Structure formats: C-alpha cells, structure tokens
Amino acid sequence: MLLTIDLGNTNLTLGLYDGDTLGSRWRLATAHERMPDEYGLQFLGLLDHAGYVPGDLQGICLASVVPPLTGKIVEACKRYLGKEPLVVDTGVRTGVRIRYEDPRAVGADRIVDAAAVQRLYGGPACVVDFGTATTFDAITVEGDYLGGAIAPGIGIAAEALFLRTAKLPRVDLKRPPGAIGRNTTHAMQSGLLFGYVSLVEGMVARFRQELGPTMKVIATGGLAEVIAQETEVIQIIAPWLTLDGLRIIWQMNR
C-alpha cells in the first residue's frame, strides 16, 4: 500500500493506493496549530478505519504548499507510521519539465497535477484546480508545465463578502433558482457560482487560444463537480488528480 498526502492551505487530502488503484481517501481540514503527535494519531485512526496497520505501507508520498506544516507531517509519518515520506521538492524526479521563469516558485501540487495529466491524459491540457485558490495550469503537448493563472478561490471570495460588508451573510455554495437573485442569499449564490463558471469559461477560452484547439480541460479539487455541472467546457472531472500524481511520482522514484 502507498499512502499519498496532499497538504494544502485549506484541506489535507490523503489516499491509499493498492498498486494503481485508489482505495480509501479522505479530505480533512488543515489545522496549523496541530502538533506531530496529533497528526500521527489521526493517521493511525484513518489507517485502522480502512482496515490497515502501518506495516502494510510500502511508502508515503507527500506534496505540500504549507512549509510551516511540512515538517510536522513528516515527523508524524516517521514516528507513527514508521516511514519517511518522499516529499515532492527539488531533486525529486517528476517527469515534468518546468518552463516557468522561476521553477522554484511553482507550487508542488501544480507540478504533481501536471505529472498526472502527462501520464493519464496527455497534453495540451488546462488543469483547473478549485482549491483555496482557483488555479489554471497549462500543460503543453510535450507534457511540459508551461505556466498558468491564479485567482482567489470561491471560498475566499465568499468569506471576503461576509467579512468586508455590513449586511451580507455567509451563504452555502448552492445553485440559485436563476442568475437574477430575488433575495440577498440567491444574489450572492448567483454571483459566486455563475460568476466563477464565467471565470472558468473565459480563462479556458484564452488558454485554448495559446495552447491550440485540441486542448483538454481537466477539473480537480473539492468543487470541481459543482462547477462542471454548470458548464460544458470542462471535459474531465478528476477530483483525486493530485493523489494520482503523487502515486506516479513515487513509482518513478522507487
């Protein structure tokens, strides 16, 4: 078994692979104040719930965009699971050539996603990741990571409306009856949901102008399915794309 861990700013996503097959997977809240022992006990509990023990693990592969927590996760894995994770960083083989001006500035999760797309779908492709930020990543026909775009995530936008205005409430991200909201909740839901759908459609059109008409559009992240229901530009929904990329990278570095 391989344990894959994607440490993001909002979510900590984990998956167990038996060979190339993803079995149990979990999305947890990223807790910055949690200590290694707390993470370790949580990992043990998840393994036990899935019917496994640490001795069943062949390895652990980790991608992190939260440097202050990376060491805590590594320590938790070593102390409680008996394995030191392979951390996707400089020096780790990914199979992806990075054509960003400063390759070190690209988040590990974006490179991991590119590795998965290169192996599973091929380029050219645009990966839309609905995480803390909404990111658009361009993968060339050769499988190179070209660059991308970064926008505030839907959750950030919704929270900003609540915090920076006197009368707007927190709302659930649900489809309103129509684009024209007849009350404040529906108006906010329209702006968030349909507004981000239009953002995706507009950015995909611009990426296609640069990558060519054969560009695939792959959506990942927790809200991928919600957005994909409202637009035809998303061709592939891959909610566990980053975990697949971690599996591929781990296999490359064995």
Protein backbone atom coordinates (compact mmCIF):
# COMPACT_ATOMS: atom_id res chain seq x y z
CA MET A 1 0.00 0.00 0.00
CA LEU A 2 1.07 3.56 -0.74
CA LEU A 3 -0.18 6.49 1.33
CA THR A 4 -0.38 9.76 -0.61
CA ILE A 5 -0.74 13.09 1.19
CA ASP A 6 -1.61 16.44 -0.40
CA LEU A 7 -1.13 19.20 2.19
CA GLY A 8 -2.97 22.33 1.10
CA ASN A 9 -3.82 25.59 2.78
CA THR A 10 -7.43 24.57 3.45
CA ASN A 11 -7.54 20.78 3.12
CA LEU A 12 -5.28 17.86 3.93
CA THR A 13 -6.16 15.15 1.40
CA LEU A 14 -4.98 11.57 1.80
CA GLY A 15 -5.38 8.43 -0.31
CA LEU A 16 -4.38 4.78 -0.07
CA TYR A 17 -3.24 3.03 -3.25
CA ASP A 18 -3.05 -0.69 -3.85
CA GLY A 19 -0.88 -0.69 -6.96
CA ASP A 20 -2.50 1.82 -9.32
CA THR A 21 -5.91 1.59 -7.66
CA LEU A 22 -7.07 4.30 -5.28
CA GLY A 23 -8.97 2.86 -2.34
CA SER A 24 -9.79 4.82 0.79
CA ARG A 25 -9.40 8.58 0.56
CA TRP A 26 -10.07 11.41 2.96
CA ARG A 27 -10.34 15.21 2.97
CA LEU A 28 -9.53 16.79 6.33
CA ALA A 29 -9.25 20.40 7.46
CA THR A 30 -5.69 21.72 7.54
CA ALA A 31 -5.02 22.57 11.18
CA HIS A 32 -2.00 24.83 11.56
CA GLU A 33 -1.88 24.56 15.33
CA ARG A 34 -1.91 20.75 15.40
CA MET A 35 1.26 19.03 16.62
CA PRO A 36 3.01 16.00 15.03
CA ASP A 37 1.59 13.66 17.67
CA GLU A 38 -1.95 14.80 16.87
CA TYR A 39 -1.42 14.27 13.14
CA GLY A 40 0.20 10.91 13.81
CA LEU A 41 -2.71 9.66 15.89
CA GLN A 42 -5.12 10.88 13.24
CA PHE A 43 -3.23 8.99 10.52
CA LEU A 44 -3.26 5.83 12.65
CA GLY A 45 -7.01 6.18 13.12
CA LEU A 46 -7.62 6.56 9.39
CA LEU A 47 -5.50 3.50 8.60
CA ASP A 48 -7.30 1.48 11.25
CA HIS A 49 -10.69 2.57 9.91
CA ALA A 50 -9.63 1.34 6.45
CA GLY A 51 -8.52 -1.99 7.91
CA TYR A 52 -4.75 -1.50 7.71
CA VAL A 53 -1.78 -1.12 10.03
CA PRO A 54 1.42 0.89 9.44
CA GLY A 55 3.26 -2.30 8.49
CA ASP A 56 1.04 -2.60 5.41
CA LEU A 57 2.52 0.61 3.95
CA GLN A 58 5.28 0.34 1.37
CA GLY A 59 5.79 4.07 1.26
CA ILE A 60 4.39 7.57 1.69
CA CYS A 61 4.49 10.40 -0.85
CA LEU A 62 3.81 13.99 0.21
CA ALA A 63 3.20 17.25 -1.63
CA SER A 64 2.91 20.39 0.49
CA VAL A 65 2.25 24.05 -0.18
CA VAL A 66 2.31 24.87 3.56
CA PRO A 67 6.01 24.93 4.53
CA PRO A 68 5.40 25.50 8.28
CA LEU A 69 3.42 22.25 8.44
CA THR A 70 5.58 20.08 6.19
CA GLY A 71 7.99 19.16 8.96
CA LYS A 72 5.13 18.26 11.30
CA ILE A 73 3.62 15.88 8.76
CA VAL A 74 7.00 14.28 8.01
CA GLU A 75 7.65 13.80 11.74
CA ALA A 76 4.18 12.31 12.27
CA CYS A 77 4.73 9.82 9.45
CA LYS A 78 8.15 8.78 10.76
CA ARG A 79 7.05 8.47 14.38
CA TYR A 80 3.65 6.83 13.97
CA LEU A 81 3.72 5.14 10.56
CA GLY A 82 7.37 4.12 10.55
CA LYS A 83 8.07 5.61 7.11
CA GLU A 84 9.80 8.80 5.99
CA PRO A 85 7.74 10.36 3.21
CA LEU A 86 9.08 11.13 -0.22
CA VAL A 87 8.48 14.91 -0.30
CA VAL A 88 7.98 16.32 -3.80
CA ASP A 89 10.62 19.01 -3.98
CA THR A 90 13.78 19.96 -5.86
CA GLY A 91 15.71 16.83 -6.78
CA VAL A 92 12.70 14.52 -6.97
CA ARG A 93 12.00 13.07 -10.40
CA THR A 94 8.59 14.11 -11.69
CA GLY A 95 8.92 13.60 -15.44
CA VAL A 96 7.71 17.18 -15.91
CA ARG A 97 9.90 19.82 -17.49
CA ILE A 98 9.08 23.17 -15.86
CA ARG A 99 9.14 26.15 -18.21
CA TYR A 100 8.15 28.71 -15.58
CA GLU A 101 10.54 31.66 -15.26
CA ASP A 102 11.41 30.58 -11.70
CA PRO A 103 10.71 26.83 -11.38
CA ARG A 104 11.11 27.02 -7.59
CA ALA A 105 8.11 29.36 -7.39
CA VAL A 106 5.68 26.74 -8.72
CA GLY A 107 3.64 25.01 -6.01
CA ALA A 108 4.37 21.30 -5.61
CA ASP A 109 0.70 20.44 -6.09
CA ARG A 110 0.69 22.07 -9.54
CA ILE A 111 3.70 20.02 -10.66
CA VAL A 112 2.12 16.86 -9.25
CA ASP A 113 -1.07 17.61 -11.18
CA ALA A 114 1.00 18.10 -14.34
CA ALA A 115 2.68 14.72 -13.80
CA ALA A 116 -0.73 13.06 -13.53
CA VAL A 117 -2.07 14.78 -16.65
CA GLN A 118 1.04 13.92 -18.64
CA ARG A 119 0.70 10.23 -17.79
CA LEU A 120 -3.09 9.80 -17.72
CA TYR A 121 -4.48 12.23 -20.31
CA GLY A 122 -1.71 13.82 -22.35
CA GLY A 123 -1.33 17.40 -23.49
CA PRO A 124 -2.07 20.01 -24.41
CA ALA A 125 -4.25 20.50 -21.37
CA CYS A 126 -5.59 23.09 -18.97
CA VAL A 127 -5.96 21.92 -15.38
CA VAL A 128 -8.47 23.91 -13.33
CA ASP A 129 -7.94 23.30 -9.62
CA PHE A 130 -10.69 24.52 -7.29
CA GLY A 131 -8.81 24.83 -4.02
CA THR A 132 -8.05 27.70 -1.66
CA ALA A 133 -7.12 29.49 -4.86
CA THR A 134 -8.63 28.70 -8.24
CA THR A 135 -5.65 27.89 -10.43
CA PHE A 136 -5.35 27.30 -14.17
CA ASP A 137 -2.29 25.31 -15.29
CA ALA A 138 -1.10 24.90 -18.86
CA ILE A 139 0.44 21.59 -19.94
CA THR A 140 1.98 21.51 -23.42
CA VAL A 141 1.62 18.75 -25.99
CA GLU A 142 5.07 17.52 -24.89
CA GLY A 143 3.87 17.32 -21.29
CA ASP A 144 5.83 20.37 -20.08
CA TYR A 145 4.47 22.65 -17.36
CA LEU A 146 4.22 25.99 -19.15
CA GLY A 147 2.65 28.26 -16.55
CA GLY A 148 -0.81 29.34 -15.59
CA ALA A 149 -3.09 31.75 -13.79
CA ILE A 150 -4.13 32.17 -10.17
CA ALA A 151 -7.43 33.63 -8.94
CA PRO A 152 -8.99 33.78 -5.47
CA GLY A 153 -10.89 30.61 -4.61
CA ILE A 154 -14.65 30.58 -4.27
CA GLY A 155 -14.39 30.10 -0.51
CA ILE A 156 -12.09 33.12 -0.16
CA ALA A 157 -14.46 35.25 -2.24
CA ALA A 158 -17.49 34.19 -0.20
CA GLU A 159 -15.71 34.83 3.10
CA ALA A 160 -14.49 38.22 1.92
CA LEU A 161 -18.05 39.28 1.11
CA PHE A 162 -19.15 38.30 4.61
CA LEU A 163 -16.21 39.89 6.43
CA ARG A 164 -15.89 43.11 4.43
CA THR A 165 -19.56 44.09 4.23
CA ALA A 166 -22.00 45.07 6.95
CA LYS A 167 -25.14 43.31 5.73
CA LEU A 168 -24.12 40.33 3.60
CA PRO A 169 -24.41 36.93 5.30
CA ARG A 170 -22.41 33.74 4.92
CA VAL A 171 -24.08 31.54 2.30
CA ASP A 172 -23.78 27.94 1.16
CA LEU A 173 -22.50 27.44 -2.37
CA LYS A 174 -25.71 26.16 -3.95
CA ARG A 175 -27.31 26.71 -7.31
CA PRO A 176 -29.83 29.57 -7.03
CA PRO A 177 -33.12 29.48 -8.95
CA GLY A 178 -31.70 31.79 -11.60
CA ALA A 179 -28.95 34.23 -12.42
CA ILE A 180 -31.10 37.12 -11.19
CA GLY A 181 -31.35 36.67 -7.43
CA ARG A 182 -34.62 37.82 -5.88
CA ASN A 183 -33.15 37.89 -2.37
CA THR A 184 -29.70 38.51 -0.91
CA THR A 185 -28.82 34.83 -0.46
CA HIS A 186 -29.74 33.93 -4.03
CA ALA A 187 -27.98 37.03 -5.36
CA MET A 188 -24.76 36.03 -3.59
CA GLN A 189 -25.06 32.42 -4.71
CA SER A 190 -25.54 33.59 -8.29
CA GLY A 191 -22.51 35.84 -8.18
CA LEU A 192 -20.32 33.15 -6.63
CA LEU A 193 -21.43 30.12 -8.63
CA PHE A 194 -22.27 31.62 -12.04
CA GLY A 195 -19.55 34.22 -11.69
CA TYR A 196 -16.89 31.54 -11.23
CA VAL A 197 -18.37 29.48 -14.05
CA SER A 198 -17.92 32.50 -16.32
CA LEU A 199 -14.38 32.95 -14.98
CA VAL A 200 -13.59 29.35 -15.91
CA GLU A 201 -15.15 29.65 -19.36
CA GLY A 202 -13.30 32.88 -20.10
CA MET A 203 -9.91 31.62 -18.90
CA VAL A 204 -10.30 28.31 -20.75
CA ALA A 205 -11.02 30.23 -23.97
CA ARG A 206 -7.88 32.29 -23.51
CA PHE A 207 -5.74 29.23 -22.72
CA ARG A 208 -7.12 27.48 -25.81
CA GLN A 209 -6.02 30.42 -27.96
CA GLU A 210 -2.45 29.84 -26.75
CA LEU A 211 -2.36 26.02 -26.45
CA GLY A 212 -4.46 25.18 -29.51
CA PRO A 213 -7.93 23.79 -30.28
CA THR A 214 -7.12 20.24 -29.12
CA MET A 215 -6.55 21.38 -25.52
CA LYS A 216 -8.23 19.18 -22.91
CA VAL A 217 -9.84 20.76 -19.85
CA ILE A 218 -9.48 18.83 -16.61
CA ALA A 219 -11.07 19.96 -13.35
CA THR A 220 -9.94 18.88 -9.91
CA GLY A 221 -10.43 19.98 -6.32
CA GLY A 222 -13.35 19.82 -3.95
CA LEU A 223 -15.72 21.98 -6.03
CA ALA A 224 -14.88 20.53 -9.44
CA GLU A 225 -18.15 18.64 -9.79
CA VAL A 226 -20.25 21.61 -8.65
CA ILE A 227 -18.76 23.91 -11.28
CA ALA A 228 -18.68 21.24 -14.00
CA GLN A 229 -22.45 20.83 -13.74
CA GLU A 230 -22.87 24.42 -14.93
CA THR A 231 -20.58 24.48 -17.98
CA GLU A 232 -19.68 22.37 -20.98
CA VAL A 233 -16.05 23.49 -21.20
CA ILE A 234 -14.88 21.02 -18.53
CA GLN A 235 -14.28 17.70 -20.26
CA ILE A 236 -12.77 15.60 -17.46
CA ILE A 237 -13.54 15.67 -13.74
CA ALA A 238 -10.64 14.23 -11.73
CA PRO A 239 -11.23 15.07 -8.05
CA TRP A 240 -8.23 12.99 -6.91
CA LEU A 241 -5.81 14.15 -9.63
CA THR A 242 -3.13 15.25 -7.17
CA LEU A 243 -3.19 11.90 -5.39
CA ASP A 244 -2.77 10.14 -8.74
CA GLY A 245 0.20 12.37 -9.49
CA LEU A 246 1.78 11.53 -6.14
CA ARG A 247 1.43 7.82 -6.91
CA ILE A 248 3.05 8.30 -10.31
CA ILE A 249 5.94 10.31 -8.86
CA TRP A 250 6.53 7.80 -6.07
CA GLN A 251 6.70 4.98 -8.61
CA MET A 252 9.21 6.97 -10.66
CA ASN A 253 11.49 7.46 -7.64
CA ARG A 254 11.49 3.94 -6.22
